[in-house]
Structure formats: C-alpha cells, structure tokens
C-alpha cells in the first residue's frame, strides 16, 4: 500500500491520504489496519457484517485512518478493503463518503 498512497497535509481537513502514483479504477488500494473495538473514536471504521445484522469497529493505525470525507468519493470500502471507484491521478487526495450523518458536509 505504501507504494500507492501516502499521508500528508490536506486542504480538506488536517491530514489526508494522497495517491503517490496513478491508480486505475477498481484497484485494491489497501486494507484498513488496526485493533478491533466496540467504542467509537476519531479513526474507527465501522463495518457491517455479511448478514447485515451487526457492526464491528476497527480502530485505525495505518495510513488509511487519515482518509477524509466527500459526498463525491473516489474510493470505497468493501469490508476493510479499500478500492478506487474511478481512475485517480498522482497527487490526488483519496476521499470516501462517511455516510448519512455527514450528508451536510461537502
């Protein structure tokens, strides 16, 4: 993953994740790394189980914990795995949609 992305200051908010190289659509960018948690926090990614009846959290420790929100995302999670929704250019910030609670934020 470190070959594809890096964390650096973001014009959106604080630190962001940026493409180090061109990333083609549908590319597996990486896996959200961290410890399992049941408590919400700044870097917790909540993942719905396959049956859709429960959620579990991952308290992020890797670079992907710095992903910022956008209503026009260019990446998405499938479980803990992150994929490009479209071609992403070198230097472009990776953004994903945090969900309905963030609908008021561009």
N, C-alpha and C. Protein backbone atom coordinates (compact mmCIF):
# COMPACT_ATOMS: atom_id res chain seq x y z
N UNK A 1 0.84 -1.20 0.00
CA UNK A 1 0.00 0.00 0.00
C UNK A 1 0.87 1.25 0.00
N UNK A 2 1.99 1.24 0.70
CA UNK A 2 2.82 2.44 0.77
C UNK A 2 3.33 2.85 -0.60
N UNK A 3 3.34 1.92 -1.56
CA UNK A 3 3.74 2.27 -2.92
C UNK A 3 2.66 3.10 -3.62
N UNK A 4 1.41 2.96 -3.17
CA UNK A 4 0.29 3.62 -3.83
C UNK A 4 -0.11 4.95 -3.19
N UNK A 5 -0.06 5.02 -1.85
CA UNK A 5 -0.57 6.20 -1.16
C UNK A 5 0.38 6.66 -0.06
N UNK A 6 0.17 7.92 0.35
CA UNK A 6 0.92 8.49 1.47
C UNK A 6 0.04 9.49 2.20
N UNK A 7 0.35 9.71 3.48
CA UNK A 7 -0.37 10.72 4.27
C UNK A 7 0.43 12.02 4.24
N UNK A 8 -0.32 13.13 4.10
CA UNK A 8 0.30 14.46 4.14
C UNK A 8 -0.79 15.49 4.42
N UNK A 9 -0.41 16.75 4.67
CA UNK A 9 -1.41 17.78 4.97
C UNK A 9 -2.47 17.90 3.87
N UNK A 10 -3.72 18.08 4.30
CA UNK A 10 -4.85 18.11 3.38
C UNK A 10 -5.54 19.47 3.38
N UNK A 11 -5.94 19.96 2.20
CA UNK A 11 -6.74 21.19 2.16
C UNK A 11 -8.17 20.95 2.65
N UNK A 12 -8.59 19.70 2.74
CA UNK A 12 -9.93 19.37 3.23
C UNK A 12 -9.98 19.47 4.75
N UNK A 13 -9.05 18.76 5.40
CA UNK A 13 -9.02 18.75 6.87
C UNK A 13 -7.76 18.04 7.36
N UNK A 14 -6.97 18.71 8.15
CA UNK A 14 -5.83 18.09 8.81
C UNK A 14 -4.91 17.32 7.88
N UNK A 15 -4.86 16.02 8.07
CA UNK A 15 -4.05 15.11 7.26
C UNK A 15 -4.97 14.33 6.34
N UNK A 16 -4.50 14.06 5.13
CA UNK A 16 -5.27 13.28 4.17
C UNK A 16 -4.41 12.19 3.57
N UNK A 17 -5.01 11.40 2.71
CA UNK A 17 -4.32 10.32 2.01
C UNK A 17 -4.27 10.70 0.53
N UNK A 18 -3.08 10.64 -0.05
CA UNK A 18 -2.86 11.07 -1.43
C UNK A 18 -2.22 9.97 -2.26
N UNK A 19 -2.58 9.95 -3.54
CA UNK A 19 -2.03 8.96 -4.47
C UNK A 19 -0.57 9.31 -4.78
N UNK A 20 0.31 8.33 -4.62
CA UNK A 20 1.73 8.50 -4.98
C UNK A 20 1.96 8.23 -6.45
N UNK A 21 1.02 7.49 -7.07
CA UNK A 21 1.08 7.10 -8.48
C UNK A 21 -0.34 7.15 -9.03
N UNK A 22 -0.49 7.06 -10.34
CA UNK A 22 -1.82 6.91 -10.92
C UNK A 22 -2.41 5.58 -10.46
N UNK A 23 -3.67 5.61 -10.03
CA UNK A 23 -4.35 4.41 -9.55
C UNK A 23 -5.56 4.15 -10.45
N UNK A 24 -5.56 3.07 -11.21
CA UNK A 24 -6.70 2.78 -12.08
C UNK A 24 -7.96 2.42 -11.29
N UNK A 25 -9.12 2.67 -11.89
CA UNK A 25 -10.40 2.30 -11.30
C UNK A 25 -10.39 0.83 -10.92
N UNK A 26 -11.05 0.51 -9.81
CA UNK A 26 -11.24 -0.83 -9.27
C UNK A 26 -9.98 -1.43 -8.65
N UNK A 27 -8.89 -0.66 -8.56
CA UNK A 27 -7.68 -1.16 -7.93
C UNK A 27 -7.87 -1.33 -6.43
N UNK A 28 -7.38 -2.43 -5.90
CA UNK A 28 -7.35 -2.62 -4.45
C UNK A 28 -6.21 -1.77 -3.91
N UNK A 29 -6.55 -0.78 -3.11
CA UNK A 29 -5.56 0.18 -2.62
C UNK A 29 -4.93 -0.31 -1.32
N UNK A 30 -5.71 -0.93 -0.47
CA UNK A 30 -5.17 -1.42 0.79
C UNK A 30 -6.26 -1.85 1.73
N UNK A 31 -5.85 -2.24 2.90
CA UNK A 31 -6.74 -2.74 3.94
C UNK A 31 -6.65 -1.81 5.15
N UNK A 32 -7.79 -1.49 5.75
CA UNK A 32 -7.84 -0.66 6.94
C UNK A 32 -7.26 -1.46 8.10
N UNK A 33 -6.16 -0.99 8.65
CA UNK A 33 -5.44 -1.71 9.69
C UNK A 33 -5.74 -1.12 11.06
N UNK A 34 -5.79 -1.99 12.06
CA UNK A 34 -6.00 -1.53 13.42
C UNK A 34 -6.56 -2.62 14.31
N UNK A 35 -6.82 -2.24 15.53
CA UNK A 35 -7.34 -3.19 16.52
C UNK A 35 -8.86 -3.17 16.53
N UNK A 36 -9.47 -4.34 16.77
CA UNK A 36 -10.93 -4.39 16.91
C UNK A 36 -11.36 -3.52 18.10
N UNK A 37 -12.52 -2.88 17.95
CA UNK A 37 -13.06 -2.06 19.04
C UNK A 37 -14.57 -2.07 19.02
N UNK A 38 -15.15 -1.81 20.17
CA UNK A 38 -16.60 -1.64 20.28
C UNK A 38 -16.94 -0.21 20.64
N UNK A 39 -15.90 0.64 20.73
CA UNK A 39 -16.07 2.03 21.13
C UNK A 39 -15.76 2.94 19.94
N UNK A 40 -16.62 3.92 19.70
CA UNK A 40 -16.40 4.84 18.59
C UNK A 40 -15.23 5.77 18.90
N UNK A 41 -14.60 6.27 17.86
CA UNK A 41 -13.48 7.18 18.03
C UNK A 41 -13.13 7.83 16.71
N UNK A 42 -12.18 8.73 16.73
CA UNK A 42 -11.79 9.51 15.56
C UNK A 42 -11.43 8.64 14.37
N UNK A 43 -10.69 7.57 14.59
CA UNK A 43 -10.19 6.75 13.48
C UNK A 43 -10.85 5.39 13.40
N UNK A 44 -12.05 5.25 13.96
CA UNK A 44 -12.74 3.97 13.94
C UNK A 44 -13.55 3.84 12.64
N UNK A 45 -13.31 2.76 11.92
CA UNK A 45 -14.09 2.41 10.74
C UNK A 45 -15.08 1.33 11.16
N UNK A 46 -16.37 1.60 10.94
CA UNK A 46 -17.42 0.63 11.29
C UNK A 46 -17.78 -0.18 10.05
N UNK A 47 -17.77 -1.49 10.21
CA UNK A 47 -18.03 -2.41 9.10
C UNK A 47 -19.20 -3.30 9.45
N UNK A 48 -20.16 -3.34 8.53
CA UNK A 48 -21.33 -4.20 8.72
C UNK A 48 -20.96 -5.63 8.33
N UNK A 49 -21.43 -6.61 9.12
CA UNK A 49 -21.11 -8.00 8.79
C UNK A 49 -21.87 -8.45 7.55
N UNK A 50 -21.51 -9.61 7.02
CA UNK A 50 -22.08 -10.11 5.77
C UNK A 50 -23.59 -10.30 5.83
N UNK A 51 -24.12 -10.61 7.01
CA UNK A 51 -25.56 -10.81 7.15
C UNK A 51 -26.31 -9.50 7.30
N UNK A 52 -25.59 -8.41 7.58
CA UNK A 52 -26.21 -7.11 7.72
C UNK A 52 -26.92 -6.90 9.04
N UNK A 53 -26.58 -7.72 10.05
CA UNK A 53 -27.29 -7.57 11.32
C UNK A 53 -26.42 -7.08 12.47
N UNK A 54 -25.13 -6.84 12.21
CA UNK A 54 -24.29 -6.29 13.26
C UNK A 54 -23.10 -5.54 12.66
N UNK A 55 -22.47 -4.74 13.48
CA UNK A 55 -21.34 -3.92 13.07
C UNK A 55 -20.16 -4.22 13.97
N UNK A 56 -18.95 -4.08 13.41
CA UNK A 56 -17.76 -4.13 14.25
C UNK A 56 -16.82 -3.01 13.83
N UNK A 57 -16.07 -2.53 14.80
CA UNK A 57 -15.19 -1.39 14.56
C UNK A 57 -13.73 -1.80 14.47
N UNK A 58 -12.98 -1.03 13.68
CA UNK A 58 -11.52 -1.16 13.61
C UNK A 58 -10.95 0.20 13.96
N UNK A 59 -10.16 0.25 15.02
CA UNK A 59 -9.52 1.49 15.45
C UNK A 59 -8.24 1.65 14.65
N UNK A 60 -8.30 2.49 13.63
CA UNK A 60 -7.25 2.60 12.64
C UNK A 60 -5.89 3.00 13.17
N UNK A 61 -4.85 2.31 12.65
CA UNK A 61 -3.47 2.62 12.98
C UNK A 61 -2.63 2.87 11.73
N UNK A 62 -3.14 2.52 10.56
CA UNK A 62 -2.39 2.69 9.32
C UNK A 62 -2.69 4.01 8.63
N UNK A 63 -2.09 4.20 7.48
CA UNK A 63 -2.24 5.43 6.70
C UNK A 63 -3.71 5.70 6.36
N UNK A 64 -4.49 4.67 6.10
CA UNK A 64 -5.88 4.88 5.66
C UNK A 64 -6.74 5.54 6.73
N UNK A 65 -6.27 5.60 7.97
CA UNK A 65 -7.05 6.27 9.01
C UNK A 65 -7.20 7.76 8.72
N UNK A 66 -6.38 8.29 7.83
CA UNK A 66 -6.42 9.71 7.51
C UNK A 66 -7.31 10.05 6.30
N UNK A 67 -8.08 9.08 5.81
CA UNK A 67 -8.99 9.36 4.70
C UNK A 67 -10.02 10.41 5.12
N UNK A 68 -10.24 11.39 4.26
CA UNK A 68 -11.22 12.43 4.53
C UNK A 68 -12.52 12.15 3.79
N UNK A 69 -13.58 12.80 4.25
CA UNK A 69 -14.94 12.63 3.73
C UNK A 69 -15.18 13.47 2.48
N UNK A 70 -16.01 12.93 1.59
CA UNK A 70 -16.54 13.68 0.47
C UNK A 70 -17.86 13.05 0.03
N UNK A 71 -18.80 13.89 -0.39
CA UNK A 71 -20.05 13.36 -0.97
C UNK A 71 -19.82 12.92 -2.40
N UNK A 72 -18.65 13.24 -2.95
CA UNK A 72 -18.27 12.75 -4.27
C UNK A 72 -16.97 11.95 -4.12
N UNK A 73 -17.08 10.75 -3.53
CA UNK A 73 -15.89 9.97 -3.22
C UNK A 73 -15.21 9.41 -4.47
N UNK A 74 -13.92 9.11 -4.32
CA UNK A 74 -13.20 8.43 -5.39
C UNK A 74 -12.72 7.05 -4.95
N UNK A 75 -13.00 6.69 -3.69
CA UNK A 75 -12.71 5.36 -3.17
C UNK A 75 -13.88 4.88 -2.33
N UNK A 76 -13.94 3.55 -2.11
CA UNK A 76 -14.96 2.99 -1.23
C UNK A 76 -14.42 1.74 -0.57
N UNK A 77 -14.97 1.46 0.61
CA UNK A 77 -14.59 0.26 1.34
C UNK A 77 -15.53 -0.88 0.99
N UNK A 78 -14.97 -2.07 0.87
CA UNK A 78 -15.71 -3.32 0.83
C UNK A 78 -15.18 -4.10 2.02
N UNK A 79 -15.90 -4.03 3.14
CA UNK A 79 -15.35 -4.52 4.40
C UNK A 79 -14.18 -3.62 4.75
N UNK A 80 -13.06 -4.19 5.16
CA UNK A 80 -11.90 -3.37 5.49
C UNK A 80 -11.02 -3.03 4.28
N UNK A 81 -11.38 -3.52 3.11
CA UNK A 81 -10.57 -3.32 1.90
C UNK A 81 -11.03 -2.09 1.13
N UNK A 82 -10.06 -1.26 0.72
CA UNK A 82 -10.33 0.00 0.02
C UNK A 82 -10.06 -0.16 -1.47
N UNK A 83 -11.00 0.31 -2.30
CA UNK A 83 -10.91 0.22 -3.76
C UNK A 83 -11.14 1.57 -4.42
N UNK A 84 -10.48 1.78 -5.55
CA UNK A 84 -10.69 3.00 -6.34
C UNK A 84 -12.01 2.89 -7.09
N UNK A 85 -12.85 3.92 -6.99
CA UNK A 85 -14.12 3.95 -7.72
C UNK A 85 -13.93 4.39 -9.18
N UNK A 86 -12.85 5.13 -9.40
CA UNK A 86 -12.54 5.65 -10.73
C UNK A 86 -11.02 5.81 -10.82
N UNK A 87 -10.52 6.18 -11.97
CA UNK A 87 -9.10 6.47 -12.09
C UNK A 87 -8.74 7.64 -11.17
N UNK A 88 -7.65 7.49 -10.44
CA UNK A 88 -7.17 8.53 -9.52
C UNK A 88 -5.78 8.93 -9.97
N UNK A 89 -5.57 10.23 -10.12
CA UNK A 89 -4.29 10.73 -10.62
C UNK A 89 -3.28 10.91 -9.49
N UNK A 90 -2.00 10.80 -9.85
CA UNK A 90 -0.91 11.06 -8.91
C UNK A 90 -1.12 12.41 -8.23
N UNK A 91 -1.00 12.45 -6.91
CA UNK A 91 -1.16 13.68 -6.15
C UNK A 91 -2.58 13.98 -5.73
N UNK A 92 -3.56 13.26 -6.24
CA UNK A 92 -4.97 13.49 -5.89
C UNK A 92 -5.27 12.92 -4.50
N UNK A 93 -6.08 13.65 -3.74
CA UNK A 93 -6.47 13.15 -2.43
C UNK A 93 -7.56 12.09 -2.57
N UNK A 94 -7.41 11.00 -1.82
CA UNK A 94 -8.42 9.96 -1.78
C UNK A 94 -9.47 10.36 -0.76
N UNK A 95 -10.76 10.19 -1.13
CA UNK A 95 -11.86 10.60 -0.27
C UNK A 95 -12.96 9.55 -0.33
N UNK A 96 -13.57 9.28 0.82
CA UNK A 96 -14.72 8.39 0.80
C UNK A 96 -15.89 9.01 1.55
N UNK A 97 -17.08 8.52 1.29
CA UNK A 97 -18.30 9.05 1.90
C UNK A 97 -18.46 8.42 3.27
N UNK A 98 -18.40 9.24 4.32
CA UNK A 98 -18.51 8.75 5.69
C UNK A 98 -19.91 8.23 6.02
N UNK A 99 -20.93 8.60 5.22
CA UNK A 99 -22.27 8.11 5.47
C UNK A 99 -23.28 9.22 5.72
N UNK A 100 -24.51 8.82 5.98
CA UNK A 100 -25.65 9.74 6.08
C UNK A 100 -25.45 10.83 7.13
N UNK A 101 -24.75 10.51 8.23
CA UNK A 101 -24.56 11.51 9.29
C UNK A 101 -23.72 12.68 8.79
N UNK A 102 -23.02 12.51 7.68
CA UNK A 102 -22.14 13.53 7.12
C UNK A 102 -22.74 14.18 5.88
N UNK A 103 -24.02 13.97 5.62
CA UNK A 103 -24.66 14.49 4.41
C UNK A 103 -24.59 16.01 4.29
N UNK A 104 -24.47 16.71 5.41
CA UNK A 104 -24.40 18.17 5.41
C UNK A 104 -23.01 18.71 5.06
N UNK A 105 -22.02 17.83 4.99
CA UNK A 105 -20.62 18.23 4.71
C UNK A 105 -20.30 17.90 3.25
N UNK A 106 -19.76 18.89 2.50
CA UNK A 106 -19.47 18.62 1.09
C UNK A 106 -18.44 17.54 0.94
